[in-house]
Each structure stands twice: as structure tokens, then as C-alpha cells.
Amino acid sequence: MSISAPRTAPLPPAAVDAMRRLEAALTAPDAATVSKVRAALGFSACWKPNPSLGETATYLTAWSQMELNDLYERVGGTVTMRQVERTTFDGITTWTATEISLTVEVPGVGPVETVTDVEDDPEHGYRTDVPVVAVARYRSAAAHCRALASAADYDGCLAALDEMAMCHCQLAAAGRLDLIEETP
């Protein structure tokens, strides 16, 4: 004897709409938080997080390194880089991407993270020679070099030192060595 799940009728359109509105209300960020983030990051008065992109009031996406760099130049913050797994919308294809993250402390809110993937395709508007990418690569290479040095792998440090030198040159050309050098 098999047991089957009870059959249910589809919900009426009014109930579906009510559930959609309830879900939107439960996941919508607090208006006061959005307002603080908007002001701190210098966004326009009509800006709000886009939930379909996975955004919240404290986790945002940038379309390109240029957009992230503009934000970094405007408000500063902490830049990091990491490897992440990406999946196509249908879940069939996955790949590893390099994500760059800018974290800004917003008073009354806390850390707000803005992320984008690093793409090296100048023909389509993606550039890796912008300060935010150079800073992230410099700091990542420096951390990698420290880890290799602590393991006494000094030969392994050479590639990391080369990466740091390249980023140093890019930042010098942009007049932004202040982003990686300590001031006395």
C-alpha cells in the first residue's frame, strides 16, 4: 500500500499576491538603515538595494571594477580579494571567480560590503589597472608572501613580490601610493 501526498488546489490569485507582498515586507531592509547607507555611500535619493541581485542594506553589488573604484575613491574603506564559486542561473555551470570586496563602516549600521568580480576585459569596460584592484592585489600578494615566508618558502615569495611591485607601479602611476603606504 502506498501513501500519496494529499492533493491541493492552486491558491487563488489574491492569496498569491498577498503572500508575495508579505514575503517582500519580511525581506525588505529597514528604511532607516537604507537611508544611512545611501547617505554614507553617496548614492542618489532613489537608490535602494535590489533583492533580485541578492542585495541587502549591508551587502551590495557593483557592476564593474570601475563602479567599485569610484565608490572606493569617494568613501574609502577596506579592500579584500577572494576566490568564490559562481553558478549560472539554471545551476548547470559553475566556475571560480575572483571577487573584490569593499567594506565601509557606516555609522549606526556597521560594515557594508560592496562586491564585484574582477574581469580583465578592457574592450568591454573592465579594467584591472584601477586603484581598487591594484590595492586588493597588492594586499593579497603581501599576505601570500607573509604566509610563504613563515613556511620558509622564500623562493615562492618571488612571484608574490613581483605582483606587489606591479601593483606598486600602477598605484604610483595613478598617484595613489597613499593607499598602500603607511604614513609616519
N, C-alpha and C. Protein backbone atom coordinates (compact mmCIF):
# COMPACT_ATOMS: atom_id res chain seq x y z
N MET A 1 0.84 -1.17 0.00
CA MET A 1 0.00 0.00 0.00
C MET A 1 0.89 1.24 0.00
N SER A 2 0.65 2.13 -0.92
CA SER A 2 1.45 3.35 -0.98
C SER A 2 0.62 4.51 -0.47
N ILE A 3 1.34 5.43 0.13
CA ILE A 3 0.69 6.63 0.64
C ILE A 3 1.09 7.77 -0.26
N SER A 4 0.12 8.47 -0.78
CA SER A 4 0.42 9.61 -1.63
C SER A 4 0.12 10.90 -0.88
N ALA A 5 0.81 11.92 -1.31
CA ALA A 5 0.60 13.23 -0.69
C ALA A 5 -0.79 13.72 -1.04
N PRO A 6 -1.42 14.42 -0.10
CA PRO A 6 -2.75 14.94 -0.40
C PRO A 6 -2.67 15.99 -1.52
N ARG A 7 -3.64 15.98 -2.33
CA ARG A 7 -3.70 16.95 -3.42
C ARG A 7 -4.19 18.29 -2.88
N THR A 8 -3.59 19.34 -3.42
CA THR A 8 -4.02 20.67 -3.01
C THR A 8 -4.39 21.46 -4.25
N ALA A 9 -5.32 22.34 -4.07
CA ALA A 9 -5.74 23.18 -5.18
C ALA A 9 -4.80 24.38 -5.26
N PRO A 10 -4.61 24.95 -6.43
CA PRO A 10 -3.79 26.15 -6.53
C PRO A 10 -4.42 27.29 -5.73
N LEU A 11 -3.58 28.15 -5.22
CA LEU A 11 -4.08 29.29 -4.46
C LEU A 11 -4.75 30.29 -5.40
N PRO A 12 -5.77 30.96 -4.91
CA PRO A 12 -6.39 32.00 -5.73
C PRO A 12 -5.40 33.15 -5.93
N PRO A 13 -5.52 33.88 -7.03
CA PRO A 13 -4.59 34.99 -7.31
C PRO A 13 -4.45 35.99 -6.17
N ALA A 14 -5.52 36.28 -5.49
CA ALA A 14 -5.45 37.24 -4.37
C ALA A 14 -4.55 36.71 -3.26
N ALA A 15 -4.60 35.41 -2.99
CA ALA A 15 -3.77 34.81 -1.95
C ALA A 15 -2.30 34.79 -2.38
N VAL A 16 -2.05 34.50 -3.65
CA VAL A 16 -0.68 34.51 -4.16
C VAL A 16 -0.10 35.92 -4.05
N ASP A 17 -0.89 36.92 -4.40
CA ASP A 17 -0.43 38.31 -4.31
C ASP A 17 -0.16 38.69 -2.86
N ALA A 18 -1.03 38.27 -1.95
CA ALA A 18 -0.85 38.58 -0.53
C ALA A 18 0.43 37.93 -0.01
N MET A 19 0.71 36.71 -0.42
CA MET A 19 1.94 36.03 0.01
C MET A 19 3.17 36.74 -0.56
N ARG A 20 3.10 37.20 -1.80
CA ARG A 20 4.21 37.92 -2.42
C ARG A 20 4.49 39.21 -1.65
N ARG A 21 3.43 39.95 -1.29
CA ARG A 21 3.59 41.19 -0.55
C ARG A 21 4.14 40.94 0.85
N LEU A 22 3.69 39.86 1.49
CA LEU A 22 4.18 39.50 2.82
C LEU A 22 5.67 39.14 2.75
N GLU A 23 6.05 38.35 1.77
CA GLU A 23 7.45 37.98 1.62
C GLU A 23 8.32 39.22 1.36
N ALA A 24 7.85 40.13 0.53
CA ALA A 24 8.60 41.36 0.24
C ALA A 24 8.74 42.20 1.50
N ALA A 25 7.69 42.27 2.31
CA ALA A 25 7.74 43.06 3.54
C ALA A 25 8.72 42.44 4.55
N LEU A 26 8.75 41.12 4.61
CA LEU A 26 9.64 40.46 5.56
C LEU A 26 11.10 40.53 5.14
N THR A 27 11.37 40.62 3.86
CA THR A 27 12.76 40.66 3.39
C THR A 27 13.23 42.07 3.06
N ALA A 28 12.34 43.03 3.06
CA ALA A 28 12.72 44.41 2.72
C ALA A 28 13.59 44.99 3.84
N PRO A 29 14.66 45.67 3.47
CA PRO A 29 15.50 46.28 4.50
C PRO A 29 14.80 47.45 5.16
N ASP A 30 15.17 47.70 6.38
CA ASP A 30 14.64 48.79 7.17
C ASP A 30 14.94 50.12 6.46
N ALA A 31 13.94 50.97 6.31
CA ALA A 31 14.09 52.23 5.58
C ALA A 31 15.14 53.14 6.20
N ALA A 32 15.24 53.15 7.53
CA ALA A 32 16.24 53.99 8.20
C ALA A 32 17.66 53.50 7.89
N THR A 33 17.84 52.19 7.84
CA THR A 33 19.15 51.62 7.51
C THR A 33 19.52 51.96 6.08
N VAL A 34 18.58 51.78 5.15
CA VAL A 34 18.82 52.11 3.74
C VAL A 34 19.19 53.58 3.60
N SER A 35 18.51 54.45 4.33
CA SER A 35 18.79 55.87 4.27
C SER A 35 20.21 56.19 4.75
N LYS A 36 20.65 55.55 5.83
CA LYS A 36 22.00 55.77 6.35
C LYS A 36 23.05 55.28 5.35
N VAL A 37 22.82 54.11 4.76
CA VAL A 37 23.76 53.56 3.78
C VAL A 37 23.81 54.46 2.55
N ARG A 38 22.64 54.88 2.08
CA ARG A 38 22.55 55.77 0.91
C ARG A 38 23.36 57.04 1.13
N ALA A 39 23.21 57.66 2.30
CA ALA A 39 23.92 58.90 2.60
C ALA A 39 25.42 58.67 2.73
N ALA A 40 25.81 57.61 3.44
CA ALA A 40 27.24 57.34 3.67
C ALA A 40 27.98 57.01 2.38
N LEU A 41 27.32 56.32 1.45
CA LEU A 41 27.98 55.92 0.22
C LEU A 41 27.78 56.91 -0.92
N GLY A 42 26.99 57.96 -0.66
CA GLY A 42 26.79 59.00 -1.66
C GLY A 42 25.92 58.56 -2.83
N PHE A 43 24.97 57.68 -2.57
CA PHE A 43 24.06 57.21 -3.62
C PHE A 43 22.91 58.21 -3.79
N SER A 44 22.24 58.13 -4.92
CA SER A 44 21.13 59.04 -5.21
C SER A 44 19.96 58.77 -4.27
N ALA A 45 19.07 59.74 -4.18
CA ALA A 45 17.92 59.66 -3.27
C ALA A 45 16.98 58.51 -3.60
N CYS A 46 17.00 58.02 -4.82
CA CYS A 46 16.08 56.93 -5.18
C CYS A 46 16.73 55.55 -5.06
N TRP A 47 18.00 55.48 -4.63
CA TRP A 47 18.68 54.19 -4.52
C TRP A 47 18.08 53.34 -3.42
N LYS A 48 18.00 52.04 -3.68
CA LYS A 48 17.66 51.05 -2.66
C LYS A 48 18.26 49.72 -3.10
N PRO A 49 18.51 48.81 -2.16
CA PRO A 49 19.08 47.52 -2.53
C PRO A 49 18.16 46.74 -3.46
N ASN A 50 18.76 45.95 -4.35
CA ASN A 50 17.99 45.16 -5.30
C ASN A 50 17.99 43.70 -4.85
N PRO A 51 16.88 43.23 -4.25
CA PRO A 51 16.84 41.87 -3.74
C PRO A 51 17.04 40.80 -4.82
N SER A 52 16.67 41.09 -6.05
CA SER A 52 16.83 40.08 -7.10
C SER A 52 18.31 39.84 -7.41
N LEU A 53 19.18 40.75 -6.99
CA LEU A 53 20.63 40.56 -7.14
C LEU A 53 21.25 40.01 -5.85
N GLY A 54 20.41 39.72 -4.87
CA GLY A 54 20.91 39.23 -3.59
C GLY A 54 21.36 40.34 -2.67
N GLU A 55 21.02 41.58 -3.03
CA GLU A 55 21.45 42.71 -2.20
C GLU A 55 20.58 42.87 -0.96
N THR A 56 21.22 43.34 0.09
CA THR A 56 20.53 43.76 1.31
C THR A 56 21.03 45.18 1.60
N ALA A 57 20.64 45.74 2.70
CA ALA A 57 21.12 47.08 3.03
C ALA A 57 22.62 47.07 3.34
N THR A 58 23.17 45.91 3.70
CA THR A 58 24.59 45.84 4.08
C THR A 58 25.42 44.96 3.16
N TYR A 59 24.84 44.44 2.09
CA TYR A 59 25.57 43.65 1.10
C TYR A 59 25.11 44.10 -0.29
N LEU A 60 26.01 44.74 -1.03
CA LEU A 60 25.66 45.35 -2.30
C LEU A 60 26.55 44.79 -3.41
N THR A 61 26.11 44.94 -4.65
CA THR A 61 26.93 44.54 -5.78
C THR A 61 27.24 45.76 -6.63
N ALA A 62 28.42 45.72 -7.24
CA ALA A 62 28.80 46.74 -8.21
C ALA A 62 28.90 46.05 -9.56
N TRP A 63 28.58 46.75 -10.62
CA TRP A 63 28.57 46.14 -11.95
C TRP A 63 29.95 45.91 -12.50
N SER A 64 30.94 46.70 -12.06
CA SER A 64 32.29 46.55 -12.60
C SER A 64 33.31 47.07 -11.60
N GLN A 65 34.57 46.82 -11.92
CA GLN A 65 35.65 47.36 -11.10
C GLN A 65 35.63 48.88 -11.13
N MET A 66 35.23 49.47 -12.25
CA MET A 66 35.20 50.93 -12.36
C MET A 66 34.18 51.51 -11.38
N GLU A 67 33.01 50.90 -11.30
CA GLU A 67 31.99 51.37 -10.36
C GLU A 67 32.48 51.20 -8.92
N LEU A 68 33.10 50.06 -8.62
CA LEU A 68 33.62 49.84 -7.27
C LEU A 68 34.75 50.82 -6.98
N ASN A 69 35.60 51.08 -7.97
CA ASN A 69 36.69 52.04 -7.78
C ASN A 69 36.16 53.44 -7.50
N ASP A 70 35.11 53.85 -8.21
CA ASP A 70 34.51 55.16 -7.96
C ASP A 70 34.03 55.27 -6.51
N LEU A 71 33.39 54.20 -6.02
CA LEU A 71 32.93 54.18 -4.63
C LEU A 71 34.13 54.25 -3.68
N TYR A 72 35.16 53.48 -3.96
CA TYR A 72 36.37 53.47 -3.13
C TYR A 72 37.02 54.85 -3.09
N GLU A 73 37.13 55.48 -4.24
CA GLU A 73 37.74 56.82 -4.30
C GLU A 73 36.90 57.84 -3.53
N ARG A 74 35.58 57.63 -3.52
CA ARG A 74 34.67 58.58 -2.87
C ARG A 74 34.63 58.41 -1.36
N VAL A 75 34.60 57.15 -0.86
CA VAL A 75 34.36 56.94 0.57
C VAL A 75 35.45 56.15 1.28
N GLY A 76 36.41 55.59 0.55
CA GLY A 76 37.46 54.80 1.20
C GLY A 76 36.93 53.44 1.61
N GLY A 77 37.52 52.85 2.63
CA GLY A 77 37.10 51.55 3.11
C GLY A 77 38.22 50.53 3.05
N THR A 78 37.88 49.29 3.33
CA THR A 78 38.84 48.20 3.34
C THR A 78 38.60 47.31 2.12
N VAL A 79 39.67 47.05 1.37
CA VAL A 79 39.57 46.27 0.15
C VAL A 79 40.16 44.89 0.38
N THR A 80 39.43 43.86 -0.04
CA THR A 80 39.93 42.49 0.04
C THR A 80 39.59 41.77 -1.26
N MET A 81 40.25 40.63 -1.45
CA MET A 81 40.02 39.83 -2.65
C MET A 81 39.90 38.37 -2.20
N ARG A 82 39.05 37.61 -2.87
CA ARG A 82 38.90 36.19 -2.53
C ARG A 82 38.41 35.42 -3.75
N GLN A 83 38.62 34.12 -3.72
CA GLN A 83 38.12 33.24 -4.76
C GLN A 83 36.73 32.76 -4.33
N VAL A 84 35.77 32.79 -5.24
CA VAL A 84 34.40 32.36 -4.95
C VAL A 84 33.91 31.46 -6.08
N GLU A 85 32.96 30.61 -5.76
CA GLU A 85 32.33 29.76 -6.77
C GLU A 85 31.08 30.45 -7.27
N ARG A 86 30.93 30.54 -8.56
CA ARG A 86 29.76 31.13 -9.20
C ARG A 86 29.01 30.02 -9.95
N THR A 87 27.72 30.20 -10.05
CA THR A 87 26.87 29.25 -10.74
C THR A 87 25.92 30.01 -11.66
N THR A 88 25.68 29.47 -12.84
CA THR A 88 24.71 30.09 -13.73
C THR A 88 23.33 30.02 -13.11
N PHE A 89 22.44 30.85 -13.62
CA PHE A 89 21.08 30.94 -13.09
C PHE A 89 20.40 29.57 -13.04
N ASP A 90 20.62 28.76 -14.05
CA ASP A 90 19.98 27.44 -14.09
C ASP A 90 20.71 26.40 -13.26
N GLY A 91 21.86 26.76 -12.67
CA GLY A 91 22.59 25.86 -11.80
C GLY A 91 23.40 24.79 -12.52
N ILE A 92 23.49 24.87 -13.82
CA ILE A 92 24.17 23.83 -14.59
C ILE A 92 25.68 24.04 -14.62
N THR A 93 26.13 25.27 -14.79
CA THR A 93 27.55 25.55 -14.94
C THR A 93 28.07 26.30 -13.73
N THR A 94 29.25 25.89 -13.26
CA THR A 94 29.91 26.61 -12.17
C THR A 94 31.33 26.97 -12.60
N TRP A 95 31.88 28.01 -11.97
CA TRP A 95 33.25 28.42 -12.25
C TRP A 95 33.78 29.16 -11.03
N THR A 96 35.08 29.28 -10.97
CA THR A 96 35.73 30.03 -9.90
C THR A 96 36.00 31.44 -10.40
N ALA A 97 35.60 32.41 -9.62
CA ALA A 97 35.81 33.82 -9.97
C ALA A 97 36.62 34.48 -8.86
N THR A 98 37.28 35.55 -9.21
CA THR A 98 37.97 36.38 -8.22
C THR A 98 37.05 37.54 -7.90
N GLU A 99 36.65 37.61 -6.63
CA GLU A 99 35.75 38.66 -6.18
C GLU A 99 36.54 39.69 -5.39
N ILE A 100 36.27 40.94 -5.68
CA ILE A 100 36.88 42.03 -4.92
C ILE A 100 35.77 42.65 -4.07
N SER A 101 36.12 42.94 -2.83
CA SER A 101 35.14 43.42 -1.87
C SER A 101 35.61 44.72 -1.23
N LEU A 102 34.73 45.68 -1.13
CA LEU A 102 34.99 46.94 -0.44
C LEU A 102 34.07 47.00 0.77
N THR A 103 34.65 47.09 1.95
CA THR A 103 33.86 47.16 3.17
C THR A 103 34.01 48.55 3.78
N VAL A 104 32.87 49.19 4.02
CA VAL A 104 32.83 50.54 4.58
C VAL A 104 32.04 50.48 5.89
N GLU A 105 32.59 51.07 6.95
CA GLU A 105 31.88 51.17 8.22
C GLU A 105 30.91 52.34 8.13
N VAL A 106 29.63 52.05 8.22
CA VAL A 106 28.61 53.10 8.16
C VAL A 106 28.09 53.34 9.58
N PRO A 107 28.23 54.57 10.08
CA PRO A 107 27.76 54.88 11.44
C PRO A 107 26.29 54.52 11.62
N GLY A 108 26.01 53.84 12.71
CA GLY A 108 24.65 53.45 13.02
C GLY A 108 24.18 52.21 12.27
N VAL A 109 25.02 51.66 11.40
CA VAL A 109 24.66 50.47 10.63
C VAL A 109 25.68 49.36 10.85
N GLY A 110 26.97 49.70 10.75
CA GLY A 110 28.03 48.71 10.83
C GLY A 110 28.66 48.52 9.47
N PRO A 111 29.32 47.39 9.25
CA PRO A 111 30.00 47.18 7.98
C PRO A 111 29.02 46.97 6.82
N VAL A 112 29.31 47.66 5.72
CA VAL A 112 28.53 47.50 4.48
C VAL A 112 29.52 47.03 3.42
N GLU A 113 29.23 45.88 2.82
CA GLU A 113 30.14 45.28 1.85
C GLU A 113 29.58 45.44 0.43
N THR A 114 30.44 45.92 -0.47
CA THR A 114 30.08 46.02 -1.88
C THR A 114 31.06 45.15 -2.65
N VAL A 115 30.56 44.27 -3.51
CA VAL A 115 31.40 43.30 -4.20
C VAL A 115 31.21 43.35 -5.71
N THR A 116 32.23 42.91 -6.41
CA THR A 116 32.15 42.68 -7.85
C THR A 116 33.22 41.68 -8.21
N ASP A 117 33.06 41.03 -9.34
CA ASP A 117 34.09 40.11 -9.82
C ASP A 117 35.13 40.89 -10.60
N VAL A 118 36.37 40.47 -10.49
CA VAL A 118 37.45 41.10 -11.22
C VAL A 118 37.49 40.48 -12.62
N GLU A 119 37.31 41.31 -13.60
CA GLU A 119 37.35 40.90 -15.01
C GLU A 119 38.46 41.68 -15.68
N ASP A 120 39.20 41.03 -16.55
CA ASP A 120 40.27 41.69 -17.29
C ASP A 120 39.88 41.71 -18.77
N ASP A 121 39.00 42.64 -19.11
CA ASP A 121 38.48 42.73 -20.47
C ASP A 121 38.25 44.20 -20.82
N PRO A 122 39.35 44.93 -21.13
CA PRO A 122 39.21 46.37 -21.37
C PRO A 122 38.28 46.72 -22.52
N GLU A 123 38.14 45.83 -23.50
CA GLU A 123 37.24 46.10 -24.63
C GLU A 123 35.80 46.30 -24.19
N HIS A 124 35.41 45.66 -23.09
CA HIS A 124 34.03 45.74 -22.61
C HIS A 124 33.92 46.55 -21.33
N GLY A 125 34.90 47.42 -21.06
CA GLY A 125 34.80 48.33 -19.93
C GLY A 125 35.37 47.81 -18.63
N TYR A 126 35.95 46.61 -18.63
CA TYR A 126 36.54 46.09 -17.40
C TYR A 126 38.03 46.38 -17.42
N ARG A 127 38.52 47.01 -16.36
CA ARG A 127 39.94 47.34 -16.28
C ARG A 127 40.49 46.90 -14.94
N THR A 128 41.68 46.33 -14.98
CA THR A 128 42.31 45.90 -13.74
C THR A 128 43.38 46.87 -13.28
N ASP A 129 43.57 47.97 -14.01
CA ASP A 129 44.61 48.93 -13.63
C ASP A 129 44.07 50.07 -12.77
N VAL A 130 42.89 49.90 -12.21
CA VAL A 130 42.31 50.92 -11.35
C VAL A 130 42.78 50.70 -9.91
N PRO A 131 42.88 51.76 -9.11
CA PRO A 131 43.42 51.65 -7.76
C PRO A 131 42.77 50.57 -6.88
N VAL A 132 41.46 50.42 -6.91
CA VAL A 132 40.83 49.46 -6.02
C VAL A 132 41.30 48.03 -6.32
N VAL A 133 41.52 47.70 -7.58
CA VAL A 133 42.01 46.37 -7.94
C VAL A 133 43.48 46.24 -7.57
N ALA A 134 44.28 47.27 -7.84
CA ALA A 134 45.70 47.22 -7.50
C ALA A 134 45.90 47.07 -5.99
N VAL A 135 45.12 47.77 -5.20
CA VAL A 135 45.22 47.66 -3.74
C VAL A 135 44.87 46.24 -3.29
N ALA A 136 43.78 45.70 -3.82
CA ALA A 136 43.37 44.35 -3.45
C ALA A 136 44.43 43.33 -3.83
N ARG A 137 44.97 43.45 -5.03
CA ARG A 137 46.01 42.51 -5.47
C ARG A 137 47.28 42.68 -4.63
N TYR A 138 47.64 43.90 -4.33
CA TYR A 138 48.82 44.17 -3.52
C TYR A 138 48.67 43.52 -2.14
N ARG A 139 47.56 43.76 -1.50
CA ARG A 139 47.35 43.22 -0.15
C ARG A 139 47.26 41.70 -0.16
N SER A 140 46.63 41.14 -1.18
CA SER A 140 46.54 39.68 -1.30
C SER A 140 47.93 39.08 -1.50
N ALA A 141 48.74 39.69 -2.36
CA ALA A 141 50.10 39.20 -2.61
C ALA A 141 50.96 39.35 -1.36
N ALA A 142 50.79 40.44 -0.62
CA ALA A 142 51.56 40.64 0.61
C ALA A 142 51.22 39.57 1.64
N ALA A 143 49.95 39.25 1.79
CA ALA A 143 49.53 38.21 2.73
C ALA A 143 50.08 36.85 2.30
N HIS A 144 50.03 36.58 1.00
CA HIS A 144 50.55 35.32 0.47
C HIS A 144 52.06 35.23 0.72
N CYS A 145 52.77 36.32 0.50
CA CYS A 145 54.21 36.36 0.73
C CYS A 145 54.53 36.12 2.21
N ARG A 146 53.78 36.74 3.11
CA ARG A 146 54.00 36.53 4.54
C ARG A 146 53.80 35.07 4.91
N ALA A 147 52.76 34.43 4.35
CA ALA A 147 52.49 33.02 4.63
C ALA A 147 53.63 32.14 4.11
N LEU A 148 54.10 32.43 2.92
CA LEU A 148 55.20 31.65 2.35
C LEU A 148 56.48 31.85 3.16
N ALA A 149 56.74 33.08 3.57
CA ALA A 149 57.94 33.37 4.36
C ALA A 149 57.90 32.67 5.71
N SER A 150 56.71 32.62 6.33
CA SER A 150 56.60 31.94 7.63
C SER A 150 56.81 30.44 7.49
N ALA A 151 56.59 29.91 6.28
CA ALA A 151 56.85 28.49 6.00
C ALA A 151 58.25 28.30 5.42
N ALA A 152 59.07 29.35 5.44
CA ALA A 152 60.44 29.34 4.92
C ALA A 152 60.50 29.00 3.43
N ASP A 153 59.44 29.35 2.69
CA ASP A 153 59.43 29.14 1.23
C ASP A 153 59.78 30.47 0.57
N TYR A 154 61.04 30.85 0.67
CA TYR A 154 61.46 32.15 0.17
C TYR A 154 61.43 32.23 -1.35
N ASP A 155 61.69 31.10 -2.01
CA ASP A 155 61.59 31.10 -3.47
C ASP A 155 60.16 31.35 -3.92
N GLY A 156 59.20 30.82 -3.18
CA GLY A 156 57.79 31.03 -3.50
C GLY A 156 57.36 32.48 -3.35
N CYS A 157 58.10 33.22 -2.53
CA CYS A 157 57.78 34.63 -2.32
C CYS A 157 58.05 35.48 -3.55
N LEU A 158 58.91 35.03 -4.44
CA LEU A 158 59.31 35.86 -5.58
C LEU A 158 58.13 36.27 -6.45
N ALA A 159 57.22 35.35 -6.75
CA ALA A 159 56.05 35.70 -7.57
C ALA A 159 55.17 36.71 -6.85
N ALA A 160 55.00 36.53 -5.55
CA ALA A 160 54.18 37.48 -4.78
C ALA A 160 54.85 38.85 -4.74
N LEU A 161 56.16 38.87 -4.61
CA LEU A 161 56.88 40.16 -4.62
C LEU A 161 56.77 40.84 -5.98
N ASP A 162 56.79 40.06 -7.06
CA ASP A 162 56.60 40.62 -8.40
C ASP A 162 55.21 41.25 -8.54
N GLU A 163 54.21 40.55 -8.02
CA GLU A 163 52.83 41.07 -8.07
C GLU A 163 52.74 42.37 -7.27
N MET A 164 53.36 42.39 -6.11
CA MET A 164 53.34 43.61 -5.29
C MET A 164 54.03 44.76 -6.01
N ALA A 165 55.15 44.48 -6.68
CA ALA A 165 55.87 45.52 -7.41
C ALA A 165 55.03 46.07 -8.56
N MET A 166 54.34 45.18 -9.29
CA MET A 166 53.48 45.62 -10.39
C MET A 166 52.36 46.53 -9.86
N CYS A 167 51.73 46.12 -8.77
CA CYS A 167 50.66 46.93 -8.18
C CYS A 167 51.20 48.26 -7.67
N HIS A 168 52.38 48.24 -7.09
CA HIS A 168 53.02 49.47 -6.61
C HIS A 168 53.21 50.44 -7.78
N CYS A 169 53.67 49.91 -8.92
CA CYS A 169 53.87 50.76 -10.11
C CYS A 169 52.53 51.34 -10.60
N GLN A 170 51.48 50.52 -10.62
CA GLN A 170 50.16 51.00 -11.06
C GLN A 170 49.66 52.11 -10.14
N LEU A 171 49.83 51.93 -8.84
CA LEU A 171 49.37 52.94 -7.89
C LEU A 171 50.23 54.20 -7.97
N ALA A 172 51.52 54.03 -8.23
CA ALA A 172 52.40 55.20 -8.39
C ALA A 172 51.97 55.99 -9.62
N ALA A 173 51.67 55.29 -10.71
CA ALA A 173 51.23 55.97 -11.94
C ALA A 173 49.91 56.70 -11.73
N ALA A 174 49.06 56.16 -10.86
CA ALA A 174 47.77 56.80 -10.57
C ALA A 174 47.91 57.88 -9.48
N GLY A 175 49.11 58.01 -8.93
CA GLY A 175 49.30 58.98 -7.85
C GLY A 175 48.62 58.56 -6.57
N ARG A 176 48.47 57.25 -6.33
CA ARG A 176 47.73 56.76 -5.16
C ARG A 176 48.53 55.81 -4.29
N LEU A 177 49.83 56.04 -4.16
CA LEU A 177 50.64 55.21 -3.25
C LEU A 177 50.16 55.33 -1.81
N ASP A 178 49.45 56.41 -1.51
CA ASP A 178 48.90 56.59 -0.16
C ASP A 178 47.98 55.45 0.25
N LEU A 179 47.47 54.70 -0.71
CA LEU A 179 46.53 53.62 -0.40
C LEU A 179 47.22 52.38 0.16
N ILE A 180 48.54 52.27 -0.06
CA ILE A 180 49.25 51.08 0.45
C ILE A 180 50.41 51.41 1.38
N GLU A 181 50.85 52.65 1.39
CA GLU A 181 51.99 53.00 2.22
C GLU A 181 51.53 53.63 3.52
N GLU A 182 52.20 53.22 4.57
CA GLU A 182 51.92 53.76 5.90
C GLU A 182 52.47 55.18 5.99
N THR A 183 51.75 56.06 6.64
CA THR A 183 52.24 57.42 6.86
C THR A 183 52.82 57.49 8.27
N PRO A 184 53.94 58.21 8.44
CA PRO A 184 54.58 58.30 9.78
C PRO A 184 53.73 59.06 10.76
